[in-house]
Amino acid sequence: RFGTMARALSIKVADPRGEEFPTIRTF
């Protein structure tokens, strides 16, 4: 069953400056 999730890239996770979420624009 689906569970754990992966990300291609994470930026500033749990950073006081605020997290940034890279987005896949094209496949």
PDB file of all heavy atoms in Angstrom:
ATOM      1  N   ARG A   1       0.853  -1.181   0.000  1.00  0.00           N
ATOM      2  CA  ARG A   1       0.000   0.000   0.000  1.00  0.00           C
ATOM      3  C   ARG A   1       0.890   1.233   0.000  1.00  0.00           C
ATOM      4  O   ARG A   1       1.973   1.237   0.590  1.00  0.00           O
ATOM      5  CB  ARG A   1      -0.886   0.020   1.262  1.00  0.00           C
ATOM      6  CG  ARG A   1      -1.844  -1.154   1.403  1.00  0.00           C
ATOM      7  CD  ARG A   1      -3.048  -0.988   0.503  1.00  0.00           C
ATOM      8  NE  ARG A   1      -4.054  -2.012   0.738  1.00  0.00           N
ATOM      9  CZ  ARG A   1      -5.092  -1.870   1.571  1.00  0.00           C
ATOM     10  NH1 ARG A   1      -5.253  -0.744   2.258  1.00  0.00           N
ATOM     11  NH2 ARG A   1      -5.964  -2.849   1.732  1.00  0.00           N
ATOM     12  N   PHE A   2       0.418   2.313  -0.628  1.00  0.00           N
ATOM     13  CA  PHE A   2       1.224   3.534  -0.663  1.00  0.00           C
ATOM     14  C   PHE A   2       1.419   4.104   0.737  1.00  0.00           C
ATOM     15  O   PHE A   2       0.504   4.076   1.570  1.00  0.00           O
ATOM     16  CB  PHE A   2       0.573   4.576  -1.560  1.00  0.00           C
ATOM     17  CG  PHE A   2       0.772   4.308  -3.023  1.00  0.00           C
ATOM     18  CD1 PHE A   2      -0.259   3.812  -3.804  1.00  0.00           C
ATOM     19  CD2 PHE A   2       2.000   4.543  -3.621  1.00  0.00           C
ATOM     20  CE1 PHE A   2      -0.081   3.570  -5.150  1.00  0.00           C
ATOM     21  CE2 PHE A   2       2.194   4.302  -4.973  1.00  0.00           C
ATOM     22  CZ  PHE A   2       1.163   3.802  -5.738  1.00  0.00           C
ATOM     23  N   GLY A   3       2.606   4.630   0.979  1.00  0.00           N
ATOM     24  CA  GLY A   3       2.918   5.218   2.267  1.00  0.00           C
ATOM     25  C   GLY A   3       3.902   6.359   2.124  1.00  0.00           C
ATOM     26  O   GLY A   3       3.539   7.488   1.796  1.00  0.00           O
ATOM     27  N   THR A   4       5.191   6.075   2.348  1.00  0.00           N
ATOM     28  CA  THR A   4       6.241   7.095   2.273  1.00  0.00           C
ATOM     29  C   THR A   4       6.193   7.837   0.940  1.00  0.00           C
ATOM     30  O   THR A   4       5.942   7.252  -0.105  1.00  0.00           O
ATOM     31  CB  THR A   4       7.608   6.437   2.483  1.00  0.00           C
ATOM     32  OG1 THR A   4       7.704   5.982   3.844  1.00  0.00           O
ATOM     33  CG2 THR A   4       8.746   7.406   2.209  1.00  0.00           C
ATOM     34  N   MET A   5       6.450   9.130   1.016  1.00  0.00           N
ATOM     35  CA  MET A   5       6.486  10.002  -0.153  1.00  0.00           C
ATOM     36  C   MET A   5       7.923  10.481  -0.367  1.00  0.00           C
ATOM     37  O   MET A   5       8.675  10.674   0.596  1.00  0.00           O
ATOM     38  CB  MET A   5       5.576  11.203   0.065  1.00  0.00           C
ATOM     39  CG  MET A   5       5.361  12.070  -1.149  1.00  0.00           C
ATOM     40  SD  MET A   5       4.100  11.469  -2.270  1.00  0.00           S
ATOM     41  CE  MET A   5       2.611  11.751  -1.297  1.00  0.00           C
ATOM     42  N   ALA A   6       8.309  10.658  -1.624  1.00  0.00           N
ATOM     43  CA  ALA A   6       9.623  11.210  -1.957  1.00  0.00           C
ATOM     44  C   ALA A   6       9.449  12.582  -2.591  1.00  0.00           C
ATOM     45  O   ALA A   6       8.381  12.910  -3.116  1.00  0.00           O
ATOM     46  CB  ALA A   6      10.374  10.282  -2.898  1.00  0.00           C
ATOM     47  N   ARG A   7      10.493  13.374  -2.553  1.00  0.00           N
ATOM     48  CA  ARG A   7      10.534  14.651  -3.276  1.00  0.00           C
ATOM     49  C   ARG A   7      11.789  14.688  -4.126  1.00  0.00           C
ATOM     50  O   ARG A   7      12.857  14.232  -3.699  1.00  0.00           O
ATOM     51  CB  ARG A   7      10.603  15.840  -2.316  1.00  0.00           C
ATOM     52  CG  ARG A   7       9.412  16.071  -1.452  1.00  0.00           C
ATOM     53  CD  ARG A   7       9.542  17.434  -0.787  1.00  0.00           C
ATOM     54  NE  ARG A   7       9.058  17.420   0.578  1.00  0.00           N
ATOM     55  CZ  ARG A   7       9.108  18.465   1.389  1.00  0.00           C
ATOM     56  NH1 ARG A   7       9.631  19.607   0.959  1.00  0.00           N
ATOM     57  NH2 ARG A   7       8.667  18.374   2.625  1.00  0.00           N
ATOM     58  N   ALA A   8      11.667  15.261  -5.292  1.00  0.00           N
ATOM     59  CA  ALA A   8      12.852  15.429  -6.124  1.00  0.00           C
ATOM     60  C   ALA A   8      13.849  16.388  -5.467  1.00  0.00           C
ATOM     61  O   ALA A   8      15.068  16.187  -5.570  1.00  0.00           O
ATOM     62  CB  ALA A   8      12.460  15.938  -7.502  1.00  0.00           C
ATOM     63  N   LEU A   9      13.346  17.400  -4.786  1.00  0.00           N
ATOM     64  CA  LEU A   9      14.216  18.397  -4.172  1.00  0.00           C
ATOM     65  C   LEU A   9      13.459  19.106  -3.066  1.00  0.00           C
ATOM     66  O   LEU A   9      12.267  19.393  -3.206  1.00  0.00           O
ATOM     67  CB  LEU A   9      14.674  19.416  -5.220  1.00  0.00           C
ATOM     68  CG  LEU A   9      15.633  20.517  -4.770  1.00  0.00           C
ATOM     69  CD1 LEU A   9      16.976  19.935  -4.369  1.00  0.00           C
ATOM     70  CD2 LEU A   9      15.824  21.555  -5.876  1.00  0.00           C
ATOM     71  N   SER A  10      14.137  19.357  -1.964  1.00  0.00           N
ATOM     72  CA  SER A  10      13.551  20.173  -0.895  1.00  0.00           C
ATOM     73  C   SER A  10      14.491  21.332  -0.591  1.00  0.00           C
ATOM     74  O   SER A  10      15.721  21.197  -0.673  1.00  0.00           O
ATOM     75  CB  SER A  10      13.302  19.339   0.369  1.00  0.00           C
ATOM     76  OG  SER A  10      14.494  18.725   0.819  1.00  0.00           O
ATOM     77  N   ILE A  11      13.908  22.469  -0.242  1.00  0.00           N
ATOM     78  CA  ILE A  11      14.689  23.673   0.027  1.00  0.00           C
ATOM     79  C   ILE A  11      14.152  24.343   1.296  1.00  0.00           C
ATOM     80  O   ILE A  11      12.950  24.583   1.417  1.00  0.00           O
ATOM     81  CB  ILE A  11      14.620  24.662  -1.152  1.00  0.00           C
ATOM     82  CG1 ILE A  11      15.207  24.028  -2.424  1.00  0.00           C
ATOM     83  CG2 ILE A  11      15.373  25.955  -0.833  1.00  0.00           C
ATOM     84  CD1 ILE A  11      15.123  24.908  -3.648  1.00  0.00           C
ATOM     85  N   LYS A  12      15.043  24.571   2.232  1.00  0.00           N
ATOM     86  CA  LYS A  12      14.740  25.301   3.470  1.00  0.00           C
ATOM     87  C   LYS A  12      13.606  24.649   4.267  1.00  0.00           C
ATOM     88  O   LYS A  12      12.711  25.324   4.759  1.00  0.00           O
ATOM     89  CB  LYS A  12      14.426  26.770   3.181  1.00  0.00           C
ATOM     90  CG  LYS A  12      15.621  27.542   2.606  1.00  0.00           C
ATOM     91  CD  LYS A  12      15.358  29.028   2.518  1.00  0.00           C
ATOM     92  CE  LYS A  12      14.339  29.386   1.478  1.00  0.00           C
ATOM     93  NZ  LYS A  12      14.236  30.847   1.247  1.00  0.00           N
ATOM     94  N   VAL A  13      13.667  23.333   4.423  1.00  0.00           N
ATOM     95  CA  VAL A  13      12.693  22.635   5.269  1.00  0.00           C
ATOM     96  C   VAL A  13      12.919  23.041   6.723  1.00  0.00           C
ATOM     97  O   VAL A  13      14.050  23.068   7.204  1.00  0.00           O
ATOM     98  CB  VAL A  13      12.820  21.105   5.112  1.00  0.00           C
ATOM     99  CG1 VAL A  13      11.835  20.387   6.031  1.00  0.00           C
ATOM    100  CG2 VAL A  13      12.598  20.694   3.673  1.00  0.00           C
ATOM    101  N   ALA A  14      11.833  23.369   7.416  1.00  0.00           N
ATOM    102  CA  ALA A  14      11.889  23.777   8.833  1.00  0.00           C
ATOM    103  C   ALA A  14      12.854  24.934   9.052  1.00  0.00           C
ATOM    104  O   ALA A  14      13.460  25.066  10.115  1.00  0.00           O
ATOM    105  CB  ALA A  14      12.269  22.592   9.724  1.00  0.00           C
ATOM    106  N   ASP A  15      12.996  25.785   8.059  1.00  0.00           N
ATOM    107  CA  ASP A  15      13.885  26.943   8.133  1.00  0.00           C
ATOM    108  C   ASP A  15      13.059  28.160   8.546  1.00  0.00           C
ATOM    109  O   ASP A  15      11.965  28.378   8.018  1.00  0.00           O
ATOM    110  CB  ASP A  15      14.515  27.184   6.756  1.00  0.00           C
ATOM    111  CG  ASP A  15      15.673  28.169   6.793  1.00  0.00           C
ATOM    112  OD1 ASP A  15      15.472  29.296   7.279  1.00  0.00           O
ATOM    113  OD2 ASP A  15      16.766  27.816   6.304  1.00  0.00           O
ATOM    114  N   PRO A  16      13.551  28.962   9.511  1.00  0.00           N
ATOM    115  CA  PRO A  16      12.795  30.158   9.912  1.00  0.00           C
ATOM    116  C   PRO A  16      12.490  31.114   8.767  1.00  0.00           C
ATOM    117  O   PRO A  16      11.546  31.905   8.843  1.00  0.00           O
ATOM    118  CB  PRO A  16      13.716  30.820  10.954  1.00  0.00           C
ATOM    119  CG  PRO A  16      14.596  29.721  11.457  1.00  0.00           C
ATOM    120  CD  PRO A  16      14.781  28.796  10.299  1.00  0.00           C
ATOM    121  N   ARG A  17      13.278  31.053   7.694  1.00  0.00           N
ATOM    122  CA  ARG A  17      13.043  31.924   6.544  1.00  0.00           C
ATOM    123  C   ARG A  17      11.861  31.470   5.702  1.00  0.00           C
ATOM    124  O   ARG A  17      11.425  32.189   4.811  1.00  0.00           O
ATOM    125  CB  ARG A  17      14.309  31.975   5.677  1.00  0.00           C
ATOM    126  CG  ARG A  17      15.513  32.603   6.354  1.00  0.00           C
ATOM    127  CD  ARG A  17      16.773  32.399   5.534  1.00  0.00           C
ATOM    128  NE  ARG A  17      17.157  30.984   5.466  1.00  0.00           N
ATOM    129  CZ  ARG A  17      18.231  30.537   4.833  1.00  0.00           C
ATOM    130  NH1 ARG A  17      19.032  31.402   4.202  1.00  0.00           N
ATOM    131  NH2 ARG A  17      18.517  29.250   4.819  1.00  0.00           N
ATOM    132  N   GLY A  18      11.340  30.278   5.998  1.00  0.00           N
ATOM    133  CA  GLY A  18      10.205  29.763   5.243  1.00  0.00           C
ATOM    134  C   GLY A  18      10.624  28.747   4.201  1.00  0.00           C
ATOM    135  O   GLY A  18      11.620  28.941   3.507  1.00  0.00           O
ATOM    136  N   GLU A  19       9.856  27.664   4.092  1.00  0.00           N
ATOM    137  CA  GLU A  19      10.194  26.603   3.142  1.00  0.00           C
ATOM    138  C   GLU A  19       9.848  27.014   1.717  1.00  0.00           C
ATOM    139  O   GLU A  19       8.889  27.737   1.466  1.00  0.00           O
ATOM    140  CB  GLU A  19       9.457  25.312   3.502  1.00  0.00           C
ATOM    141  CG  GLU A  19       9.858  24.127   2.648  1.00  0.00           C
ATOM    142  CD  GLU A  19       9.327  22.802   3.159  1.00  0.00           C
ATOM    143  OE1 GLU A  19       8.677  22.791   4.234  1.00  0.00           O
ATOM    144  OE2 GLU A  19       9.549  21.780   2.489  1.00  0.00           O
ATOM    145  N   GLU A  20      10.646  26.510   0.797  1.00  0.00           N
ATOM    146  CA  GLU A  20      10.441  26.748  -0.629  1.00  0.00           C
ATOM    147  C   GLU A  20      10.119  25.405  -1.283  1.00  0.00           C
ATOM    148  O   GLU A  20      10.795  24.408  -1.014  1.00  0.00           O
ATOM    149  CB  GLU A  20      11.718  27.341  -1.214  1.00  0.00           C
ATOM    150  CG  GLU A  20      11.662  27.739  -2.658  1.00  0.00           C
ATOM    151  CD  GLU A  20      12.966  28.396  -3.093  1.00  0.00           C
ATOM    152  OE1 GLU A  20      13.516  29.236  -2.327  1.00  0.00           O
ATOM    153  OE2 GLU A  20      13.450  28.071  -4.185  1.00  0.00           O
ATOM    154  N   PHE A  21       9.092  25.376  -2.121  1.00  0.00           N
ATOM    155  CA  PHE A  21       8.663  24.130  -2.731  1.00  0.00           C
ATOM    156  C   PHE A  21       8.927  24.145  -4.237  1.00  0.00           C
ATOM    157  O   PHE A  21       8.142  24.706  -5.008  1.00  0.00           O
ATOM    158  CB  PHE A  21       7.172  23.894  -2.479  1.00  0.00           C
ATOM    159  CG  PHE A  21       6.848  23.519  -1.056  1.00  0.00           C
ATOM    160  CD1 PHE A  21       6.536  24.491  -0.126  1.00  0.00           C
ATOM    161  CD2 PHE A  21       6.869  22.191  -0.659  1.00  0.00           C
ATOM    162  CE1 PHE A  21       6.248  24.152   1.186  1.00  0.00           C
ATOM    163  CE2 PHE A  21       6.590  21.841   0.650  1.00  0.00           C
ATOM    164  CZ  PHE A  21       6.277  22.818   1.578  1.00  0.00           C
ATOM    165  N   PRO A  22      10.022  23.536  -4.677  1.00  0.00           N
ATOM    166  CA  PRO A  22      10.245  23.411  -6.119  1.00  0.00           C
ATOM    167  C   PRO A  22       9.101  22.636  -6.773  1.00  0.00           C
ATOM    168  O   PRO A  22       8.523  21.726  -6.171  1.00  0.00           O
ATOM    169  CB  PRO A  22      11.564  22.628  -6.201  1.00  0.00           C
ATOM    170  CG  PRO A  22      12.234  22.874  -4.884  1.00  0.00           C
ATOM    171  CD  PRO A  22      11.125  22.969  -3.884  1.00  0.00           C
ATOM    172  N   THR A  23       8.784  22.992  -8.009  1.00  0.00           N
ATOM    173  CA  THR A  23       7.653  22.414  -8.714  1.00  0.00           C
ATOM    174  C   THR A  23       8.094  21.846 -10.052  1.00  0.00           C
ATOM    175  O   THR A  23       8.845  22.495 -10.792  1.00  0.00           O
ATOM    176  CB  THR A  23       6.571  23.493  -8.951  1.00  0.00           C
ATOM    177  OG1 THR A  23       6.143  24.000  -7.689  1.00  0.00           O
ATOM    178  CG2 THR A  23       5.376  22.911  -9.682  1.00  0.00           C
ATOM    179  N   ILE A  24       7.629  20.646 -10.346  1.00  0.00           N
ATOM    180  CA  ILE A  24       7.847  20.094 -11.686  1.00  0.00           C
ATOM    181  C   ILE A  24       6.867  20.775 -12.632  1.00  0.00           C
ATOM    182  O   ILE A  24       5.655  20.724 -12.437  1.00  0.00           O
ATOM    183  CB  ILE A  24       7.645  18.570 -11.703  1.00  0.00           C
ATOM    184  CG1 ILE A  24       8.731  17.892 -10.851  1.00  0.00           C
ATOM    185  CG2 ILE A  24       7.696  18.036 -13.138  1.00  0.00           C
ATOM    186  CD1 ILE A  24       8.587  16.391 -10.749  1.00  0.00           C
ATOM    187  N   ARG A  25       7.411  21.420 -13.653  1.00  0.00           N
ATOM    188  CA  ARG A  25       6.558  22.133 -14.605  1.00  0.00           C
ATOM    189  C   ARG A  25       6.251  21.312 -15.848  1.00  0.00           C
ATOM    190  O   ARG A  25       5.179  21.451 -16.430  1.00  0.00           O
ATOM    191  CB  ARG A  25       7.218  23.442 -15.011  1.00  0.00           C
ATOM    192  CG  ARG A  25       7.388  24.398 -13.828  1.00  0.00           C
ATOM    193  CD  ARG A  25       7.280  25.815 -14.276  1.00  0.00           C
ATOM    194  NE  ARG A  25       7.238  26.743 -13.153  1.00  0.00           N
ATOM    195  CZ  ARG A  25       7.133  28.053 -13.298  1.00  0.00           C
ATOM    196  NH1 ARG A  25       7.047  28.582 -14.501  1.00  0.00           N
ATOM    197  NH2 ARG A  25       7.096  28.830 -12.244  1.00  0.00           N
ATOM    198  N   THR A  26       7.201  20.466 -16.260  1.00  0.00           N
ATOM    199  CA  THR A  26       7.008  19.712 -17.488  1.00  0.00           C
ATOM    200  C   THR A  26       7.608  18.323 -17.341  1.00  0.00           C
ATOM    201  O   THR A  26       8.701  18.168 -16.792  1.00  0.00           O
ATOM    202  CB  THR A  26       7.669  20.419 -18.686  1.00  0.00           C
ATOM    203  OG1 THR A  26       7.250  21.776 -18.731  1.00  0.00           O
ATOM    204  CG2 THR A  26       7.301  19.742 -19.997  1.00  0.00           C
ATOM    205  N   PHE A  27       6.876  17.318 -17.842  1.00  0.00           N
ATOM    206  CA  PHE A  27       7.375  15.948 -17.948  1.00  0.00           C
ATOM    207  C   PHE A  27       7.534  15.577 -19.419  1.00  0.00           C
ATOM    208  O   PHE A  27       6.732  15.979 -20.274  1.00  0.00           O
ATOM    209  CB  PHE A  27       6.379  14.951 -17.332  1.00  0.00           C
ATOM    210  CG  PHE A  27       6.297  14.967 -15.838  1.00  0.00           C
ATOM    211  CD1 PHE A  27       5.203  15.529 -15.200  1.00  0.00           C
ATOM    212  CD2 PHE A  27       7.287  14.374 -15.064  1.00  0.00           C
ATOM    213  CE1 PHE A  27       5.099  15.522 -13.817  1.00  0.00           C
ATOM    214  CE2 PHE A  27       7.198  14.362 -13.684  1.00  0.00           C
ATOM    215  CZ  PHE A  27       6.095  14.941 -13.053  1.00  0.00           C
TER     216      PHE A  27
END
